[in-house]
Amino acid sequence: MLTIQDINGAIMSQNWTNTQLTSMIDSVKYAKSRLLQETKWSLRVGDSVKFTSGKTGQTLTGRVEKIAIKYVTVRTNQGAWRVPANMLSKLDDLVAV
């Protein structure tokens, strides 16, 4: 299996047509969309989750309050955060927040 470095190197070192590059971009967008949907479908209100803040760089934990189309509202000790679903990791049900 190829590593991500192998794939990146192949993309950057080859002479691709615009059609080929557009096809690759569409494939990546589709894969990201599927990953987002799978993450959202695995979450329920009240689930414990963690994420890393893009603003502070710290890892925060909290509970899911609301699941919207693109963002999930997570209640933490620092308040409520609107977080893209793909940034969330579900925690074990045994972890208290």
N, C-alpha and C. Protein backbone atom coordinates (compact mmCIF):
# COMPACT_ATOMS: atom_id res chain seq x y z
N MET A 1 0.84 -1.18 0.00
CA MET A 1 0.00 0.00 0.00
C MET A 1 0.89 1.25 0.00
N LEU A 2 0.49 2.25 -0.76
CA LEU A 2 1.25 3.49 -0.84
C LEU A 2 1.06 4.33 0.41
N THR A 3 2.11 5.03 0.80
CA THR A 3 2.00 5.97 1.91
C THR A 3 1.50 7.30 1.37
N ILE A 4 1.08 8.16 2.26
CA ILE A 4 0.60 9.49 1.85
C ILE A 4 1.73 10.28 1.18
N GLN A 5 2.97 10.07 1.63
CA GLN A 5 4.11 10.75 1.02
C GLN A 5 4.31 10.27 -0.42
N ASP A 6 4.13 8.96 -0.65
CA ASP A 6 4.23 8.43 -2.02
C ASP A 6 3.17 9.03 -2.93
N ILE A 7 1.96 9.11 -2.41
CA ILE A 7 0.85 9.67 -3.21
C ILE A 7 1.10 11.14 -3.50
N ASN A 8 1.49 11.90 -2.49
CA ASN A 8 1.77 13.33 -2.69
C ASN A 8 2.89 13.53 -3.70
N GLY A 9 3.95 12.74 -3.55
CA GLY A 9 5.08 12.84 -4.48
C GLY A 9 4.66 12.53 -5.90
N ALA A 10 3.83 11.51 -6.09
CA ALA A 10 3.37 11.15 -7.44
C ALA A 10 2.52 12.26 -8.04
N ILE A 11 1.68 12.87 -7.23
CA ILE A 11 0.83 13.96 -7.73
C ILE A 11 1.68 15.15 -8.15
N MET A 12 2.68 15.50 -7.32
CA MET A 12 3.47 16.70 -7.60
C MET A 12 4.50 16.49 -8.72
N SER A 13 4.97 15.27 -8.92
CA SER A 13 6.06 15.07 -9.88
C SER A 13 5.57 14.72 -11.29
N GLN A 14 4.33 14.42 -11.45
CA GLN A 14 3.80 14.01 -12.75
C GLN A 14 3.24 15.21 -13.51
N ASN A 15 3.11 15.04 -14.81
CA ASN A 15 2.44 16.04 -15.64
C ASN A 15 1.01 15.58 -15.87
N TRP A 16 0.09 16.16 -15.12
CA TRP A 16 -1.31 15.77 -15.19
C TRP A 16 -2.08 16.77 -16.04
N THR A 17 -3.13 16.30 -16.69
CA THR A 17 -4.01 17.21 -17.42
C THR A 17 -4.97 17.85 -16.43
N ASN A 18 -5.61 18.90 -16.85
CA ASN A 18 -6.59 19.57 -16.00
C ASN A 18 -7.73 18.61 -15.66
N THR A 19 -8.15 17.81 -16.61
CA THR A 19 -9.23 16.85 -16.38
C THR A 19 -8.83 15.82 -15.33
N GLN A 20 -7.60 15.33 -15.41
CA GLN A 20 -7.13 14.36 -14.43
C GLN A 20 -7.05 14.97 -13.03
N LEU A 21 -6.53 16.19 -12.94
CA LEU A 21 -6.44 16.86 -11.63
C LEU A 21 -7.83 17.13 -11.07
N THR A 22 -8.75 17.56 -11.91
CA THR A 22 -10.12 17.81 -11.45
C THR A 22 -10.75 16.53 -10.93
N SER A 23 -10.49 15.42 -11.60
CA SER A 23 -11.02 14.13 -11.16
C SER A 23 -10.45 13.75 -9.80
N MET A 24 -9.15 13.97 -9.60
CA MET A 24 -8.53 13.67 -8.31
C MET A 24 -9.12 14.54 -7.20
N ILE A 25 -9.30 15.82 -7.50
CA ILE A 25 -9.87 16.75 -6.52
C ILE A 25 -11.28 16.33 -6.15
N ASP A 26 -12.08 15.97 -7.15
CA ASP A 26 -13.44 15.52 -6.89
C ASP A 26 -13.46 14.28 -6.02
N SER A 27 -12.52 13.37 -6.25
CA SER A 27 -12.43 12.14 -5.45
C SER A 27 -12.10 12.45 -3.99
N VAL A 28 -11.18 13.37 -3.78
CA VAL A 28 -10.81 13.76 -2.42
C VAL A 28 -11.98 14.45 -1.72
N LYS A 29 -12.67 15.34 -2.43
CA LYS A 29 -13.84 16.01 -1.84
C LYS A 29 -14.91 15.00 -1.46
N TYR A 30 -15.13 14.02 -2.33
CA TYR A 30 -16.12 12.99 -2.05
C TYR A 30 -15.72 12.19 -0.80
N ALA A 31 -14.45 11.81 -0.71
CA ALA A 31 -13.97 11.04 0.44
C ALA A 31 -14.12 11.84 1.73
N LYS A 32 -13.80 13.15 1.68
CA LYS A 32 -13.95 14.00 2.87
C LYS A 32 -15.41 14.11 3.27
N SER A 33 -16.29 14.23 2.30
CA SER A 33 -17.71 14.33 2.57
C SER A 33 -18.23 13.06 3.23
N ARG A 34 -17.80 11.91 2.73
CA ARG A 34 -18.22 10.63 3.32
C ARG A 34 -17.71 10.50 4.76
N LEU A 35 -16.47 10.91 5.00
CA LEU A 35 -15.90 10.85 6.34
C LEU A 35 -16.69 11.74 7.30
N LEU A 36 -17.05 12.94 6.83
CA LEU A 36 -17.85 13.86 7.64
C LEU A 36 -19.19 13.23 7.98
N GLN A 37 -19.86 12.65 6.99
CA GLN A 37 -21.16 12.02 7.23
C GLN A 37 -21.04 10.86 8.21
N GLU A 38 -20.03 10.02 8.04
CA GLU A 38 -19.85 8.89 8.94
C GLU A 38 -19.62 9.35 10.37
N THR A 39 -18.84 10.43 10.52
CA THR A 39 -18.60 10.97 11.87
C THR A 39 -19.89 11.49 12.46
N LYS A 40 -20.64 12.26 11.67
CA LYS A 40 -21.91 12.81 12.17
C LYS A 40 -22.88 11.71 12.54
N TRP A 41 -22.96 10.66 11.72
CA TRP A 41 -23.89 9.56 11.99
C TRP A 41 -23.52 8.79 13.24
N SER A 42 -22.25 8.81 13.61
CA SER A 42 -21.81 8.07 14.79
C SER A 42 -22.07 8.85 16.08
N LEU A 43 -22.35 10.14 15.95
CA LEU A 43 -22.55 10.99 17.13
C LEU A 43 -24.01 11.09 17.52
N ARG A 44 -24.25 11.21 18.81
CA ARG A 44 -25.58 11.45 19.36
C ARG A 44 -25.46 12.57 20.39
N VAL A 45 -26.54 13.31 20.58
CA VAL A 45 -26.55 14.35 21.62
C VAL A 45 -26.24 13.67 22.95
N GLY A 46 -25.32 14.25 23.70
CA GLY A 46 -24.90 13.70 24.99
C GLY A 46 -23.61 12.90 24.92
N ASP A 47 -23.14 12.56 23.71
CA ASP A 47 -21.89 11.83 23.59
C ASP A 47 -20.71 12.67 24.05
N SER A 48 -19.72 12.02 24.64
CA SER A 48 -18.48 12.69 25.02
C SER A 48 -17.55 12.69 23.82
N VAL A 49 -16.97 13.86 23.53
CA VAL A 49 -16.07 14.01 22.38
C VAL A 49 -14.87 14.85 22.78
N LYS A 50 -13.84 14.79 21.93
CA LYS A 50 -12.69 15.66 22.12
C LYS A 50 -12.32 16.26 20.77
N PHE A 51 -11.64 17.40 20.83
CA PHE A 51 -11.16 18.07 19.63
C PHE A 51 -10.03 19.01 20.02
N THR A 52 -9.24 19.39 19.03
CA THR A 52 -8.16 20.34 19.27
C THR A 52 -8.58 21.68 18.72
N SER A 53 -8.53 22.70 19.55
CA SER A 53 -8.92 24.05 19.17
C SER A 53 -7.93 24.62 18.16
N GLY A 54 -8.45 25.14 17.07
CA GLY A 54 -7.60 25.79 16.09
C GLY A 54 -7.08 27.13 16.59
N LYS A 55 -7.78 27.72 17.54
CA LYS A 55 -7.39 29.03 18.08
C LYS A 55 -6.28 28.91 19.12
N THR A 56 -6.43 27.97 20.05
CA THR A 56 -5.49 27.87 21.16
C THR A 56 -4.54 26.69 21.04
N GLY A 57 -4.88 25.71 20.23
CA GLY A 57 -4.05 24.53 20.08
C GLY A 57 -4.23 23.51 21.19
N GLN A 58 -5.09 23.79 22.15
CA GLN A 58 -5.29 22.86 23.24
C GLN A 58 -6.39 21.85 22.89
N THR A 59 -6.27 20.66 23.47
CA THR A 59 -7.29 19.63 23.27
C THR A 59 -8.37 19.81 24.31
N LEU A 60 -9.61 19.89 23.84
CA LEU A 60 -10.76 20.10 24.72
C LEU A 60 -11.67 18.89 24.66
N THR A 61 -12.35 18.63 25.76
CA THR A 61 -13.35 17.57 25.80
C THR A 61 -14.68 18.19 26.20
N GLY A 62 -15.74 17.56 25.77
CA GLY A 62 -17.06 18.06 26.09
C GLY A 62 -18.14 17.08 25.67
N ARG A 63 -19.37 17.57 25.74
CA ARG A 63 -20.53 16.76 25.37
C ARG A 63 -21.25 17.40 24.19
N VAL A 64 -21.72 16.55 23.28
CA VAL A 64 -22.45 17.02 22.11
C VAL A 64 -23.80 17.59 22.57
N GLU A 65 -24.08 18.84 22.16
CA GLU A 65 -25.36 19.47 22.47
C GLU A 65 -26.29 19.49 21.26
N LYS A 66 -25.71 19.68 20.08
CA LYS A 66 -26.52 19.82 18.87
C LYS A 66 -25.70 19.36 17.67
N ILE A 67 -26.35 18.69 16.73
CA ILE A 67 -25.71 18.26 15.50
C ILE A 67 -26.42 18.95 14.34
N ALA A 68 -25.69 19.84 13.66
CA ALA A 68 -26.24 20.58 12.53
C ALA A 68 -25.66 20.02 11.23
N ILE A 69 -25.88 20.71 10.13
CA ILE A 69 -25.44 20.21 8.83
C ILE A 69 -23.92 20.12 8.76
N LYS A 70 -23.22 21.19 9.11
CA LYS A 70 -21.76 21.19 9.02
C LYS A 70 -21.06 21.16 10.37
N TYR A 71 -21.70 21.70 11.39
CA TYR A 71 -21.05 21.87 12.69
C TYR A 71 -21.79 21.11 13.79
N VAL A 72 -21.03 20.75 14.81
CA VAL A 72 -21.57 20.13 16.00
C VAL A 72 -21.30 21.07 17.16
N THR A 73 -22.32 21.38 17.94
CA THR A 73 -22.13 22.23 19.12
C THR A 73 -21.72 21.34 20.28
N VAL A 74 -20.56 21.68 20.86
CA VAL A 74 -19.99 20.90 21.96
C VAL A 74 -19.89 21.81 23.18
N ARG A 75 -20.43 21.35 24.30
CA ARG A 75 -20.35 22.09 25.56
C ARG A 75 -19.12 21.62 26.32
N THR A 76 -18.19 22.54 26.58
CA THR A 76 -16.97 22.23 27.32
C THR A 76 -16.96 23.07 28.59
N ASN A 77 -15.91 22.89 29.42
CA ASN A 77 -15.74 23.73 30.61
C ASN A 77 -15.49 25.18 30.23
N GLN A 78 -15.01 25.41 28.99
CA GLN A 78 -14.72 26.76 28.51
C GLN A 78 -15.90 27.35 27.73
N GLY A 79 -17.04 26.71 27.75
CA GLY A 79 -18.22 27.22 27.04
C GLY A 79 -18.59 26.32 25.87
N ALA A 80 -19.50 26.83 25.04
CA ALA A 80 -19.97 26.07 23.88
C ALA A 80 -19.10 26.39 22.68
N TRP A 81 -18.79 25.37 21.90
CA TRP A 81 -17.97 25.51 20.69
C TRP A 81 -18.74 24.93 19.52
N ARG A 82 -18.69 25.60 18.38
CA ARG A 82 -19.20 25.06 17.12
C ARG A 82 -18.01 24.45 16.41
N VAL A 83 -18.01 23.13 16.26
CA VAL A 83 -16.85 22.40 15.76
C VAL A 83 -17.25 21.62 14.50
N PRO A 84 -16.43 21.68 13.44
CA PRO A 84 -16.70 20.81 12.29
C PRO A 84 -16.66 19.35 12.74
N ALA A 85 -17.61 18.57 12.27
CA ALA A 85 -17.73 17.18 12.72
C ALA A 85 -16.46 16.38 12.48
N ASN A 86 -15.73 16.69 11.40
CA ASN A 86 -14.54 15.91 11.10
C ASN A 86 -13.39 16.19 12.06
N MET A 87 -13.51 17.19 12.92
CA MET A 87 -12.47 17.48 13.92
C MET A 87 -12.74 16.77 15.24
N LEU A 88 -13.89 16.10 15.36
CA LEU A 88 -14.27 15.47 16.62
C LEU A 88 -13.84 14.01 16.68
N SER A 89 -13.46 13.59 17.87
CA SER A 89 -13.20 12.19 18.16
C SER A 89 -14.10 11.79 19.31
N LYS A 90 -14.83 10.72 19.11
CA LYS A 90 -15.73 10.23 20.15
C LYS A 90 -14.91 9.58 21.26
N LEU A 91 -15.25 9.90 22.51
CA LEU A 91 -14.56 9.33 23.66
C LEU A 91 -15.33 8.13 24.17
N ASP A 92 -14.64 7.30 24.94
CA ASP A 92 -15.27 6.16 25.59
C ASP A 92 -16.39 6.68 26.47
N ASP A 93 -17.47 5.93 26.60
CA ASP A 93 -18.58 6.34 27.44
C ASP A 93 -18.18 6.42 28.92
N LEU A 94 -17.05 5.81 29.28
CA LEU A 94 -16.61 5.82 30.66
C LEU A 94 -15.91 7.11 31.05
N VAL A 95 -15.51 7.93 30.05
CA VAL A 95 -14.80 9.16 30.34
C VAL A 95 -15.78 10.22 30.77
N ALA A 96 -15.58 10.78 31.94
CA ALA A 96 -16.47 11.84 32.44
C ALA A 96 -15.95 13.19 31.99
N VAL A 97 -16.88 14.06 31.64
CA VAL A 97 -16.52 15.42 31.22
C VAL A 97 -17.09 16.41 32.19
